[in-house]
């Protein structure tokens, strides 16, 4: 018989924990991820574009995805965030209109399209709010005419000293069209992106 004391116990090797992911920039509701591409081209570390169009596991409406984003923000594992929530239900071009200045949450709260649009907008504003609390640079983008700015959460944020709202006309940057964008920014100097159309050419919306 072999005594247990005669057995050689295997060495317990310590396992090193991998470093947590850290990024200079992430883009939420990324769409075509144009901003991510441009930031990466400048040599910064970027996270994967977070958008349902890339993978079902990147659906920001899912709680675990939102928790991961807020984990990055609250632990300062990311330095800057761009948030571009869908604007379809907030668009002035939507016919019939689903919202108004007096009813920013929608005329029919039970309408599925209105409901998901509101949910995604509120998630975007929550991320911006947490970035503000953490002192991180973040920018939320929508069309200038978007009714998202009538939501109470937007009005709360825009009145904070750390927050700034600017308009940017794309034709001021070489576009042939007068397409105006709305940027709500925290902890960022955004005057350089507030260029407006100078009227020196024929612009179309």
Protein backbone atom coordinates (compact mmCIF):
# COMPACT_ATOMS: atom_id res chain seq x y z
CA UNK A 1 0.00 0.00 0.00
CA UNK A 2 1.09 3.46 -0.78
CA UNK A 3 0.64 5.96 1.98
CA UNK A 4 -0.87 9.28 1.05
CA UNK A 5 2.23 10.94 2.44
CA UNK A 6 4.24 9.19 -0.26
CA UNK A 7 2.24 10.77 -3.05
CA UNK A 8 3.64 13.84 -4.68
CA UNK A 9 1.03 16.57 -4.80
CA UNK A 10 0.98 18.59 -8.00
CA UNK A 11 2.25 22.13 -7.73
CA UNK A 12 -0.46 24.74 -7.52
CA UNK A 13 0.42 27.29 -10.16
CA UNK A 14 -0.96 30.76 -9.59
CA UNK A 15 -3.10 32.07 -12.39
CA UNK A 16 -2.54 35.65 -13.40
CA UNK A 17 -5.69 37.57 -14.02
CA UNK A 18 -5.81 39.17 -17.45
CA UNK A 19 -5.86 42.92 -17.54
CA UNK A 20 -9.32 44.37 -17.92
CA UNK A 21 -10.11 45.85 -21.27
CA UNK A 22 -9.30 49.54 -21.40
CA UNK A 23 -10.23 51.79 -24.29
CA UNK A 24 -9.65 55.38 -25.27
CA UNK A 25 -13.03 55.42 -27.02
CA UNK A 26 -16.25 53.47 -27.52
CA UNK A 27 -19.18 54.26 -29.80
CA UNK A 28 -22.68 53.30 -28.60
CA UNK A 29 -25.55 52.88 -31.10
CA UNK A 30 -22.67 52.98 -33.53
CA UNK A 31 -24.47 52.33 -36.84
CA UNK A 32 -21.79 52.38 -39.53
CA UNK A 33 -19.18 53.14 -36.83
CA UNK A 34 -17.75 56.02 -38.84
CA UNK A 35 -16.50 57.78 -35.72
CA UNK A 36 -14.85 54.62 -34.40
CA UNK A 37 -12.97 54.23 -37.69
CA UNK A 38 -11.77 57.83 -37.59
CA UNK A 39 -10.65 57.62 -33.96
CA UNK A 40 -8.82 54.35 -34.64
CA UNK A 41 -7.11 55.95 -37.64
CA UNK A 42 -5.65 58.54 -35.25
CA UNK A 43 -3.98 55.74 -33.30
CA UNK A 44 -6.30 55.55 -30.31
CA UNK A 45 -7.50 52.31 -28.71
CA UNK A 46 -11.16 51.74 -29.60
CA UNK A 47 -13.69 49.20 -28.40
CA UNK A 48 -15.87 47.22 -30.75
CA UNK A 49 -18.75 49.34 -32.10
CA UNK A 50 -21.75 48.67 -29.87
CA UNK A 51 -24.78 48.21 -32.09
CA UNK A 52 -27.37 45.55 -32.77
CA UNK A 53 -26.46 45.60 -36.46
CA UNK A 54 -23.09 43.98 -35.63
CA UNK A 55 -24.34 41.22 -33.35
CA UNK A 56 -27.41 40.36 -31.29
CA UNK A 57 -25.16 40.35 -28.21
CA UNK A 58 -24.43 44.06 -28.75
CA UNK A 59 -28.06 45.13 -28.36
CA UNK A 60 -27.95 48.13 -26.00
CA UNK A 61 -31.56 47.51 -24.97
CA UNK A 62 -30.37 44.34 -23.19
CA UNK A 63 -29.54 44.92 -19.54
CA UNK A 64 -26.22 43.05 -19.57
CA UNK A 65 -24.94 45.22 -22.44
CA UNK A 66 -25.87 48.41 -20.60
CA UNK A 67 -24.27 47.04 -17.42
CA UNK A 68 -21.04 46.37 -19.32
CA UNK A 69 -20.97 49.92 -20.73
CA UNK A 70 -21.59 51.42 -17.30
CA UNK A 71 -18.91 49.09 -15.87
CA UNK A 72 -16.39 50.57 -18.31
CA UNK A 73 -17.48 54.11 -17.44
CA UNK A 74 -17.66 53.83 -13.65
CA UNK A 75 -14.28 52.08 -13.46
CA UNK A 76 -12.69 54.54 -15.91
CA UNK A 77 -11.80 51.75 -18.32
CA UNK A 78 -12.77 54.12 -21.14
CA UNK A 79 -11.85 57.77 -21.66
CA UNK A 80 -14.45 58.96 -24.15
CA UNK A 81 -17.90 57.84 -25.30
CA UNK A 82 -19.95 58.71 -28.39
CA UNK A 83 -23.68 57.94 -28.15
CA UNK A 84 -25.95 58.03 -31.22
CA UNK A 85 -29.43 56.78 -30.26
CA UNK A 86 -31.92 56.02 -33.06
CA UNK A 87 -33.85 59.14 -34.01
CA UNK A 88 -36.65 57.65 -36.14
CA UNK A 89 -39.50 58.15 -33.67
CA UNK A 90 -38.18 61.59 -32.67
CA UNK A 91 -37.85 62.86 -36.24
CA UNK A 92 -39.89 65.85 -37.44
CA UNK A 93 -40.10 64.01 -40.77
CA UNK A 94 -42.00 61.10 -39.21
CA UNK A 95 -45.56 60.90 -40.56
CA UNK A 96 -47.76 60.51 -38.71
CA UNK A 97 -45.83 62.12 -35.87
CA UNK A 98 -45.41 59.97 -32.78
CA UNK A 99 -44.37 62.77 -30.39
CA UNK A 100 -44.47 66.51 -29.86
CA UNK A 101 -42.91 69.13 -27.62
CA UNK A 102 -45.77 68.73 -25.17
CA UNK A 103 -45.79 64.91 -25.41
CA UNK A 104 -42.11 63.94 -25.73
CA UNK A 105 -42.77 60.38 -24.50
CA UNK A 106 -45.29 59.90 -27.29
CA UNK A 107 -48.99 60.22 -27.99
CA UNK A 108 -49.52 56.48 -27.48
CA UNK A 109 -47.29 55.03 -24.77
CA UNK A 110 -48.42 51.51 -25.70
CA UNK A 111 -47.21 51.80 -29.30
CA UNK A 112 -44.24 49.40 -29.65
CA UNK A 113 -42.25 51.67 -31.99
CA UNK A 114 -42.72 54.67 -29.71
CA UNK A 115 -41.89 52.61 -26.62
CA UNK A 116 -38.59 51.21 -27.91
CA UNK A 117 -37.58 54.63 -29.24
CA UNK A 118 -38.15 56.16 -25.82
CA UNK A 119 -36.31 53.32 -24.08
CA UNK A 120 -33.22 53.70 -26.26
CA UNK A 121 -33.22 57.47 -25.86
CA UNK A 122 -33.42 57.15 -22.08
CA UNK A 123 -30.59 54.60 -22.09
CA UNK A 124 -28.48 57.05 -24.10
CA UNK A 125 -29.22 59.86 -21.67
CA UNK A 126 -28.46 57.57 -18.71
CA UNK A 127 -25.03 56.75 -20.15
CA UNK A 128 -24.37 60.46 -20.69
CA UNK A 129 -25.47 61.19 -17.11
CA UNK A 130 -23.15 58.55 -15.65
CA UNK A 131 -20.27 59.85 -17.78
CA UNK A 132 -20.98 63.30 -16.39
CA UNK A 133 -20.94 61.97 -12.82
CA UNK A 134 -17.63 60.19 -13.49
CA UNK A 135 -15.98 63.19 -15.16
CA UNK A 136 -15.62 61.41 -18.52
CA UNK A 137 -15.95 63.09 -21.89
CA UNK A 138 -19.10 61.96 -23.70
CA UNK A 139 -21.10 63.25 -26.65
CA UNK A 140 -24.68 62.39 -27.61
CA UNK A 141 -25.62 63.03 -31.26
CA UNK A 142 -28.98 63.42 -32.99
CA UNK A 143 -30.38 65.57 -35.80
CA UNK A 144 -30.77 69.20 -34.78
CA UNK A 145 -34.54 69.00 -35.20
CA UNK A 146 -34.89 65.82 -33.12
CA UNK A 147 -37.60 65.89 -30.46
CA UNK A 148 -35.26 64.06 -28.10
CA UNK A 149 -34.39 67.46 -26.63
CA UNK A 150 -37.92 67.75 -25.21
CA UNK A 151 -37.39 64.81 -22.85
CA UNK A 152 -37.09 65.88 -19.19
CA UNK A 153 -33.78 64.01 -18.83
CA UNK A 154 -32.31 66.05 -21.69
CA UNK A 155 -33.49 69.30 -20.12
CA UNK A 156 -31.91 68.26 -16.83
CA UNK A 157 -28.55 67.51 -18.40
CA UNK A 158 -28.35 70.57 -20.63
CA UNK A 159 -28.63 72.82 -17.58
CA UNK A 160 -25.56 71.34 -15.88
CA UNK A 161 -22.37 73.42 -15.86
CA UNK A 162 -20.37 70.48 -17.21
CA UNK A 163 -22.72 70.10 -20.18
CA UNK A 164 -22.94 71.98 -23.45
CA UNK A 165 -25.30 71.75 -26.43
CA UNK A 166 -24.12 72.83 -29.88
CA UNK A 167 -25.34 72.73 -33.44
CA UNK A 168 -23.13 71.68 -36.32
CA UNK A 169 -24.02 72.18 -40.00
CA UNK A 170 -22.36 69.53 -42.12
CA UNK A 171 -22.01 71.88 -45.10
CA UNK A 172 -19.52 73.90 -43.03
CA UNK A 173 -17.26 70.84 -43.27
CA UNK A 174 -17.54 70.32 -47.01
CA UNK A 175 -20.88 68.55 -47.41
CA UNK A 176 -23.07 69.61 -50.33
CA UNK A 177 -26.11 69.51 -48.06
CA UNK A 178 -27.25 71.56 -45.11
CA UNK A 179 -27.69 68.72 -42.65
CA UNK A 180 -27.65 69.99 -39.09
CA UNK A 181 -26.58 67.89 -36.14
CA UNK A 182 -27.26 68.30 -32.43
CA UNK A 183 -24.50 67.47 -29.95
CA UNK A 184 -25.06 67.27 -26.21
CA UNK A 185 -21.63 67.03 -24.60
CA UNK A 186 -20.25 66.60 -21.10
CA UNK A 187 -16.73 67.48 -20.05
CA UNK A 188 -15.73 68.58 -23.55
CA UNK A 189 -14.84 71.84 -25.24
CA UNK A 190 -17.03 71.59 -28.30
CA UNK A 191 -16.96 75.11 -29.74
CA UNK A 192 -14.72 73.90 -32.63
CA UNK A 193 -17.53 71.66 -33.93
CA UNK A 194 -20.24 74.32 -33.76
CA UNK A 195 -19.62 75.70 -37.27
CA UNK A 196 -22.75 76.86 -39.09
CA UNK A 197 -23.60 77.29 -42.75
CA UNK A 198 -22.26 80.64 -43.96
CA UNK A 199 -24.86 80.95 -46.71
CA UNK A 200 -22.17 81.15 -49.32
CA UNK A 201 -23.55 78.28 -51.40
CA UNK A 202 -26.82 76.63 -52.22
CA UNK A 203 -27.63 74.19 -49.47
CA UNK A 204 -30.38 71.63 -49.44
CA UNK A 205 -31.54 69.73 -46.38
